[in-house]
Amino acid sequence: MARSINRPRPNSSNTGMRLIGYLVAAPLVLLLLPLLPVIVLLWIGGKLTAS
């Protein structure tokens, strides 16, 4: 006996939520892509000064 109020649903892909995730992630990637060289330079500078 299941200990749940809701009826179990069949395992299926949730395409709507996946699409929303992609729509949220794509602009974030496009906004952060120009900052990538700065982040890499700061990371390398931190590695060089730490040694």
Protein backbone atom coordinates (compact mmCIF):
# COMPACT_ATOMS: atom_id res chain seq x y z
CA MET A 1 0.00 0.00 0.00
CA ALA A 2 1.37 3.37 -0.99
CA ARG A 3 1.70 5.98 1.76
CA SER A 4 0.73 8.89 -0.42
CA ILE A 5 -2.35 11.02 -0.93
CA ASN A 6 -1.75 11.48 -4.64
CA ARG A 7 -2.16 8.72 -7.16
CA PRO A 8 1.14 7.54 -8.66
CA ARG A 9 1.80 8.96 -12.10
CA PRO A 10 3.53 7.08 -14.89
CA ASN A 11 7.14 8.02 -15.50
CA SER A 12 7.12 10.43 -18.41
CA SER A 13 9.32 13.27 -19.53
CA ASN A 14 8.24 16.70 -18.38
CA THR A 15 8.82 18.62 -21.59
CA GLY A 16 7.27 21.85 -20.41
CA MET A 17 9.52 22.19 -17.38
CA ARG A 18 12.56 21.23 -19.45
CA LEU A 19 11.70 23.96 -21.96
CA ILE A 20 11.35 26.54 -19.18
CA GLY A 21 14.73 25.48 -17.82
CA TYR A 22 16.34 25.99 -21.21
CA LEU A 23 14.63 29.36 -21.63
CA VAL A 24 16.00 30.50 -18.27
CA ALA A 25 19.50 29.05 -18.81
CA ALA A 26 20.07 30.36 -22.36
CA PRO A 27 19.98 34.09 -21.50
CA LEU A 28 22.17 33.47 -18.45
CA VAL A 29 24.78 31.75 -20.59
CA LEU A 30 24.63 34.54 -23.17
CA LEU A 31 25.07 37.16 -20.44
CA LEU A 32 27.95 35.36 -18.72
CA LEU A 33 29.82 34.38 -21.90
CA PRO A 34 31.48 37.82 -22.34
CA LEU A 35 32.68 37.61 -18.72
CA LEU A 36 34.44 34.28 -19.29
CA PRO A 37 37.85 35.77 -20.29
CA VAL A 38 37.82 38.02 -17.22
CA ILE A 39 36.96 35.10 -14.95
CA VAL A 40 39.74 32.99 -16.49
CA LEU A 41 42.29 35.79 -16.09
CA LEU A 42 41.31 36.31 -12.45
CA TRP A 43 41.55 32.57 -11.80
CA ILE A 44 45.00 32.35 -13.42
CA GLY A 45 46.15 35.45 -11.52
CA GLY A 46 44.97 33.91 -8.28
CA LYS A 47 46.82 30.68 -9.03
CA LEU A 48 50.04 32.57 -9.85
CA THR A 49 49.98 34.76 -6.75
CA ALA A 50 49.09 31.87 -4.42
CA SER A 51 52.27 29.95 -5.26
